[in-house]
């Protein structure tokens, strides 16, 4: 059941739903939401959770997500849970950077909160196109007071895209975690000298690995984003 469906900016929303079990949730895991009147489900990454509920951030990009934005508290919603893999951390990764672009903010903030609980130090970079698209700035700063919030045109926060911010603070050699548009992920991969983990954003047919609709070619052969991902080691991808 829907608890909240908040409008965060002109096109981005955050939905919170009730849940009997959240023990399966780890940063990067996703759900598949059935929208009334539409056949294909929409994959959404979990952005926050507690024992009784979880949230996900989504952007209106078509008629389906527009209908999703119109749902109200106490509406019932059909969701497939516990899908995909999650980000992993090893001590050998050292001092990592967490990078988000646009609506890819959700799983990165979920990971940042886990790092806070584990007392893992990290750098946080959140990029947006312009000030109108900046999302939950106060919450980002509450999670990491030193977070770099940037806009491409400099209308809010630091000026520049996430790669420019990485280079500005000489973070190219740090292990990285990233989520956002594929062109941003590719740019981070090509810019950074270290390895990292990338959460790929792709339309999915079934969400459970049965239809092969989200298959991509990797160094390990064809991989299904919904089943083998959505998080992939950067060195395994063919860009």
Protein backbone atom coordinates (compact mmCIF):
# COMPACT_ATOMS: atom_id res chain seq x y z
CA UNK A 1 0.00 0.00 0.00
CA UNK A 2 1.21 3.52 -0.80
CA UNK A 3 2.12 5.66 2.23
CA UNK A 4 3.42 8.76 0.40
CA UNK A 5 3.88 9.92 -3.17
CA UNK A 6 5.86 13.17 -2.86
CA UNK A 7 6.69 15.60 -5.64
CA UNK A 8 10.38 16.52 -5.27
CA UNK A 9 10.74 18.85 -8.25
CA UNK A 10 9.00 19.55 -11.56
CA UNK A 11 9.28 15.94 -12.78
CA UNK A 12 10.75 13.81 -9.98
CA UNK A 13 8.76 12.03 -7.29
CA UNK A 14 9.43 9.77 -4.32
CA UNK A 15 7.01 7.02 -3.43
CA UNK A 16 6.97 5.26 -0.06
CA UNK A 17 5.16 1.95 0.31
CA UNK A 18 4.47 -0.35 3.25
CA UNK A 19 6.18 -3.72 3.41
CA UNK A 20 6.07 -6.74 5.71
CA UNK A 21 9.74 -7.59 5.21
CA UNK A 22 12.67 -5.38 4.24
CA UNK A 23 15.48 -7.76 5.21
CA UNK A 24 16.16 -8.36 1.50
CA UNK A 25 16.99 -4.73 0.82
CA UNK A 26 20.60 -3.76 0.12
CA UNK A 27 21.82 -0.67 -1.76
CA UNK A 28 21.34 -1.22 -5.48
CA UNK A 29 18.51 -3.77 -5.24
CA UNK A 30 15.41 -2.90 -7.24
CA UNK A 31 11.70 -3.55 -7.47
CA UNK A 32 9.36 -3.88 -10.48
CA UNK A 33 6.21 -1.79 -10.27
CA UNK A 34 2.98 -2.61 -12.10
CA UNK A 35 1.25 0.62 -13.12
CA UNK A 36 -2.54 0.50 -13.58
CA UNK A 37 -3.43 0.31 -17.26
CA UNK A 38 0.04 -0.75 -18.45
CA UNK A 39 1.32 -4.22 -19.28
CA UNK A 40 5.05 -3.87 -18.63
CA UNK A 41 6.31 -3.16 -15.14
CA UNK A 42 8.75 -0.33 -14.36
CA UNK A 43 12.01 -1.09 -12.53
CA UNK A 44 12.79 1.22 -9.60
CA UNK A 45 15.81 1.21 -7.27
CA UNK A 46 15.20 1.40 -3.52
CA UNK A 47 16.39 4.71 -2.07
CA UNK A 48 15.62 4.28 1.64
CA UNK A 49 13.99 1.79 3.99
CA UNK A 50 13.24 0.78 7.53
CA UNK A 51 11.59 -2.29 9.07
CA UNK A 52 8.10 -1.49 7.76
CA UNK A 53 8.47 0.53 4.55
CA UNK A 54 10.76 1.54 1.70
CA UNK A 55 10.97 4.36 -0.82
CA UNK A 56 12.04 4.83 -4.41
CA UNK A 57 12.71 7.94 -6.48
CA UNK A 58 11.40 8.13 -10.04
CA UNK A 59 11.12 10.64 -12.86
CA UNK A 60 8.14 11.21 -15.15
CA UNK A 61 9.45 10.17 -18.57
CA UNK A 62 6.28 8.84 -20.20
CA UNK A 63 2.62 8.03 -19.72
CA UNK A 64 3.32 5.17 -17.31
CA UNK A 65 5.32 7.17 -14.80
CA UNK A 66 2.82 10.03 -15.21
CA UNK A 67 0.06 7.69 -14.01
CA UNK A 68 2.35 6.51 -11.19
CA UNK A 69 2.74 10.12 -10.03
CA UNK A 70 -1.04 10.46 -9.75
CA UNK A 71 -1.47 7.60 -7.28
CA UNK A 72 -2.37 8.60 -3.74
CA UNK A 73 -1.75 7.40 -0.17
CA UNK A 74 -3.72 4.23 0.69
CA UNK A 75 -3.87 3.18 -2.97
CA UNK A 76 -2.85 -0.44 -3.46
CA UNK A 77 0.09 -1.12 -5.76
CA UNK A 78 1.46 -4.38 -7.23
CA UNK A 79 5.25 -4.69 -6.79
CA UNK A 80 7.75 -7.48 -7.43
CA UNK A 81 10.45 -7.20 -4.76
CA UNK A 82 13.97 -8.44 -4.08
CA UNK A 83 15.28 -8.13 -7.64
CA UNK A 84 18.81 -7.74 -8.96
CA UNK A 85 22.15 -7.56 -7.18
CA UNK A 86 23.60 -4.92 -4.89
CA UNK A 87 26.70 -2.78 -4.43
CA UNK A 88 29.54 -4.47 -2.59
CA UNK A 89 32.35 -2.95 -0.52
CA UNK A 90 35.76 -4.29 0.45
CA UNK A 91 38.37 -2.64 2.64
CA UNK A 92 40.76 -2.78 -0.31
CA UNK A 93 38.55 -0.23 -2.11
CA UNK A 94 39.82 2.40 0.33
CA UNK A 95 38.18 5.83 0.23
CA UNK A 96 35.54 5.55 -2.53
CA UNK A 97 33.51 8.17 -4.37
CA UNK A 98 29.75 7.86 -4.80
CA UNK A 99 28.43 9.51 -7.96
CA UNK A 100 24.82 10.10 -8.99
CA UNK A 101 23.25 11.81 -11.95
CA UNK A 102 19.64 12.99 -12.03
CA UNK A 103 17.15 10.39 -10.84
CA UNK A 104 20.02 7.95 -10.28
CA UNK A 105 20.25 9.60 -6.88
CA UNK A 106 18.18 6.97 -5.04
CA UNK A 107 20.49 3.93 -4.84
CA UNK A 108 23.53 6.15 -4.28
CA UNK A 109 21.92 7.76 -1.23
CA UNK A 110 20.90 4.32 0.00
CA UNK A 111 24.56 3.26 -0.26
CA UNK A 112 25.74 6.47 1.45
CA UNK A 113 23.44 5.78 4.40
CA UNK A 114 24.83 2.27 4.71
CA UNK A 115 28.39 3.62 4.64
CA UNK A 116 27.45 6.06 7.40
CA UNK A 117 26.20 3.18 9.54
CA UNK A 118 29.42 1.25 8.93
CA UNK A 119 31.60 4.34 9.52
CA UNK A 120 33.08 4.09 6.02
CA UNK A 121 34.43 7.43 4.78
CA UNK A 122 33.52 8.41 1.23
CA UNK A 123 33.12 11.32 -1.17
CA UNK A 124 29.61 12.08 -2.49
CA UNK A 125 28.94 13.84 -5.81
CA UNK A 126 25.36 14.50 -6.97
CA UNK A 127 24.88 16.05 -10.39
CA UNK A 128 21.81 17.70 -11.93
CA UNK A 129 21.18 19.57 -15.20
CA UNK A 130 20.06 22.82 -13.54
CA UNK A 131 18.57 24.27 -10.34
CA UNK A 132 15.02 23.28 -11.30
CA UNK A 133 16.05 19.63 -11.33
CA UNK A 134 17.94 19.62 -8.01
CA UNK A 135 16.36 17.04 -5.72
CA UNK A 136 16.23 16.85 -1.88
CA UNK A 137 19.30 19.07 -1.40
CA UNK A 138 18.79 19.33 2.37
CA UNK A 139 18.58 15.56 2.71
CA UNK A 140 21.75 15.08 0.68
CA UNK A 141 23.60 17.48 2.98
CA UNK A 142 22.16 15.78 6.06
CA UNK A 143 23.55 12.46 4.84
CA UNK A 144 26.93 13.96 3.93
CA UNK A 145 27.54 17.61 4.89
CA UNK A 146 30.51 17.74 2.51
CA UNK A 147 28.61 16.41 -0.49
CA UNK A 148 29.29 18.08 -3.83
CA UNK A 149 25.98 19.10 -5.41
CA UNK A 150 26.59 20.39 -8.92
CA UNK A 151 24.64 21.59 -11.94
CA UNK A 152 25.76 21.58 -15.56
CA UNK A 153 24.98 25.28 -16.00
CA UNK A 154 26.08 26.43 -12.54
CA UNK A 155 22.60 27.65 -11.60
CA UNK A 156 22.81 25.79 -8.26
CA UNK A 157 25.72 24.51 -6.21
CA UNK A 158 29.02 23.92 -7.94
CA UNK A 159 29.24 24.48 -11.68
CA UNK A 160 30.06 21.48 -13.84
CA UNK A 161 29.03 17.90 -14.47
CA UNK A 162 30.08 15.03 -12.21
CA UNK A 163 33.21 14.24 -14.22
CA UNK A 164 34.36 17.86 -13.98
CA UNK A 165 33.83 17.74 -10.21
CA UNK A 166 35.79 14.48 -9.98
CA UNK A 167 38.66 16.12 -11.82
CA UNK A 168 38.38 19.37 -9.87
CA UNK A 169 39.06 17.55 -6.61
CA UNK A 170 41.56 15.09 -8.12
CA UNK A 171 39.45 12.01 -7.38
CA UNK A 172 40.21 10.09 -10.59
CA UNK A 173 42.19 7.41 -8.76
CA UNK A 174 39.49 6.53 -6.25
CA UNK A 175 37.28 3.47 -6.45
CA UNK A 176 33.80 4.59 -7.50
CA UNK A 177 30.12 3.69 -7.33
CA UNK A 178 27.83 5.37 -9.84
CA UNK A 179 24.20 5.47 -10.93
CA UNK A 180 22.64 7.69 -13.57
CA UNK A 181 22.16 8.02 -17.33
CA UNK A 182 24.32 5.67 -19.39
CA UNK A 183 26.22 8.54 -21.02
CA UNK A 184 27.21 9.75 -17.55
CA UNK A 185 28.31 6.26 -16.51
CA UNK A 186 30.39 5.91 -19.66
CA UNK A 187 32.01 9.30 -19.02
CA UNK A 188 32.89 8.35 -15.42
CA UNK A 189 34.34 5.04 -16.62
CA UNK A 190 36.49 6.64 -19.33
CA UNK A 191 37.65 9.47 -17.04
CA UNK A 192 38.62 7.52 -13.95
CA UNK A 193 41.82 5.54 -13.66
CA UNK A 194 40.45 3.12 -11.07
CA UNK A 195 37.76 0.45 -11.22
CA UNK A 196 34.22 0.84 -9.97
CA UNK A 197 30.65 -0.41 -9.91
CA UNK A 198 28.03 0.99 -12.27
CA UNK A 199 24.26 0.62 -11.92
CA UNK A 200 22.83 0.47 -15.44
CA UNK A 201 19.53 2.11 -16.29
CA UNK A 202 17.55 0.13 -18.87
CA UNK A 203 13.97 -0.65 -19.83
CA UNK A 204 13.12 -4.20 -18.84
CA UNK A 205 10.49 -6.61 -20.07
CA UNK A 206 10.00 -9.09 -17.24
CA UNK A 207 12.51 -7.96 -14.61
CA UNK A 208 13.33 -11.55 -13.61
CA UNK A 209 15.64 -12.69 -16.43
CA UNK A 210 13.14 -14.66 -18.48
CA UNK A 211 12.64 -12.51 -21.61
CA UNK A 212 16.23 -11.43 -22.44
CA UNK A 213 14.86 -7.98 -23.29
CA UNK A 214 17.56 -6.17 -21.31
CA UNK A 215 20.55 -8.28 -22.38
CA UNK A 216 23.88 -6.52 -23.04
CA UNK A 217 27.25 -7.73 -24.28
CA UNK A 218 30.04 -7.84 -21.69
CA UNK A 219 33.49 -9.36 -21.43
CA UNK A 220 31.79 -12.31 -19.74
CA UNK A 221 29.34 -12.77 -22.64
CA UNK A 222 25.70 -11.73 -22.84
CA UNK A 223 24.36 -10.60 -19.47
CA UNK A 224 20.84 -9.69 -18.41
CA UNK A 225 20.70 -6.37 -16.58
CA UNK A 226 17.73 -7.46 -14.46
CA UNK A 227 19.25 -10.80 -13.44
CA UNK A 228 23.04 -10.35 -13.58
CA UNK A 229 22.82 -6.66 -12.68
CA UNK A 230 21.73 -3.95 -12.55
CA UNK A 231 25.18 -3.35 -11.02
CA UNK A 232 28.21 -4.36 -13.04
CA UNK A 233 31.92 -4.11 -12.44
CA UNK A 234 33.13 -1.36 -14.74
CA UNK A 235 35.96 -3.49 -16.12
CA UNK A 236 33.46 -6.08 -17.40
CA UNK A 237 31.51 -3.66 -19.59
CA UNK A 238 32.11 -3.07 -23.29
CA UNK A 239 31.74 0.66 -23.85
